[in-house]
């Protein structure tokens, strides 16, 4: 569970989430660009997009989700994005 968000739209992050398979749990890493941060308070969510084999995959996580173990910032963009919602990254390959 995240206490604070230390990333912005456009950053490349790695989200470590818990996956439950039967009685076992494992950690799965999802690495991609942050498209948006939405909401406020307990309703805050963030969207991460990555490319897998030429296909875009997006996941949305609530900030207060107990399934998130950790979020690590990998890199900032070279130029700061001028928008809060980076939906234009969906059309690029």
Protein backbone atom coordinates (compact mmCIF):
# COMPACT_ATOMS: atom_id res chain seq x y z
CA UNK A 1 0.00 0.00 0.00
CA UNK A 2 1.36 3.39 -1.03
CA UNK A 3 1.37 6.24 1.44
CA UNK A 4 2.36 8.98 -1.02
CA UNK A 5 2.85 9.19 -4.75
CA UNK A 6 6.36 10.27 -5.70
CA UNK A 7 5.90 10.01 -9.46
CA UNK A 8 4.15 12.07 -12.15
CA UNK A 9 2.57 11.35 -15.53
CA UNK A 10 5.29 10.51 -18.03
CA UNK A 11 7.57 8.77 -15.53
CA UNK A 12 8.65 5.17 -16.06
CA UNK A 13 7.82 3.14 -12.94
CA UNK A 14 7.92 -0.47 -11.78
CA UNK A 15 4.88 -1.66 -9.84
CA UNK A 16 5.38 -4.73 -7.66
CA UNK A 17 1.97 -6.31 -7.12
CA UNK A 18 0.93 -9.42 -5.22
CA UNK A 19 -0.69 -12.16 -7.31
CA UNK A 20 -2.54 -14.94 -5.53
CA UNK A 21 -2.59 -18.33 -7.24
CA UNK A 22 -4.47 -20.82 -5.15
CA UNK A 23 -2.86 -20.76 -1.74
CA UNK A 24 0.47 -19.37 -2.93
CA UNK A 25 1.25 -15.72 -3.51
CA UNK A 26 3.93 -14.29 -5.75
CA UNK A 27 5.12 -10.86 -6.80
CA UNK A 28 4.62 -9.70 -10.37
CA UNK A 29 6.42 -6.67 -11.79
CA UNK A 30 4.66 -4.32 -14.23
CA UNK A 31 6.95 -1.71 -15.77
CA UNK A 32 5.68 1.11 -17.94
CA UNK A 33 4.87 4.78 -18.34
CA UNK A 34 2.39 6.56 -16.10
CA UNK A 35 -0.46 7.88 -18.26
CA UNK A 36 -2.49 9.58 -15.57
CA UNK A 37 -3.11 10.04 -11.87
CA UNK A 38 -6.79 10.46 -11.15
CA UNK A 39 -8.96 11.22 -8.15
CA UNK A 40 -8.20 12.42 -4.68
CA UNK A 41 -8.07 10.98 -1.21
CA UNK A 42 -9.00 7.31 -0.99
CA UNK A 43 -10.30 7.25 -4.56
CA UNK A 44 -6.93 8.12 -6.13
CA UNK A 45 -5.82 5.79 -8.93
CA UNK A 46 -2.98 5.70 -11.42
CA UNK A 47 -2.73 4.16 -14.90
CA UNK A 48 0.42 2.51 -16.24
CA UNK A 49 0.95 1.46 -19.88
CA UNK A 50 3.55 -0.86 -21.35
CA UNK A 51 4.09 -2.48 -24.73
CA UNK A 52 4.08 -6.29 -25.00
CA UNK A 53 4.88 -7.69 -28.43
CA UNK A 54 3.59 -4.62 -30.25
CA UNK A 55 0.38 -4.51 -28.22
CA UNK A 56 -0.27 -1.90 -25.55
CA UNK A 57 -1.27 -3.15 -22.11
CA UNK A 58 -2.69 -0.80 -19.48
CA UNK A 59 -3.42 -1.44 -15.82
CA UNK A 60 -5.14 0.79 -13.32
CA UNK A 61 -4.34 0.54 -9.61
CA UNK A 62 -5.90 2.28 -6.64
CA UNK A 63 -3.21 4.00 -4.57
CA UNK A 64 -4.54 2.38 -1.37
CA UNK A 65 -4.62 -1.15 -2.82
CA UNK A 66 -3.31 -3.82 -0.43
CA UNK A 67 -2.08 -5.78 -3.48
CA UNK A 68 0.66 -3.25 -4.23
CA UNK A 69 3.89 -4.15 -2.47
CA UNK A 70 6.11 -1.40 -3.83
CA UNK A 71 6.41 1.20 -6.59
CA UNK A 72 9.88 2.19 -7.76
CA UNK A 73 10.67 5.10 -10.02
CA UNK A 74 12.90 3.97 -12.86
CA UNK A 75 13.36 7.23 -14.78
CA UNK A 76 11.96 10.68 -15.40
CA UNK A 77 11.28 11.80 -18.96
CA UNK A 78 13.92 13.96 -20.61
CA UNK A 79 11.35 16.70 -21.09
CA UNK A 80 8.60 17.41 -18.59
CA UNK A 81 5.18 16.65 -20.11
CA UNK A 82 2.90 19.63 -20.48
CA UNK A 83 -0.25 17.62 -19.90
CA UNK A 84 -1.72 15.76 -16.95
CA UNK A 85 -3.27 13.03 -19.14
CA UNK A 86 -0.90 11.45 -21.65
CA UNK A 87 -3.47 9.71 -23.82
CA UNK A 88 -1.49 10.60 -26.95
CA UNK A 89 1.00 7.85 -25.98
CA UNK A 90 -1.68 5.30 -26.89
CA UNK A 91 -1.44 6.13 -30.59
CA UNK A 92 2.37 5.75 -30.76
CA UNK A 93 4.07 2.40 -31.10
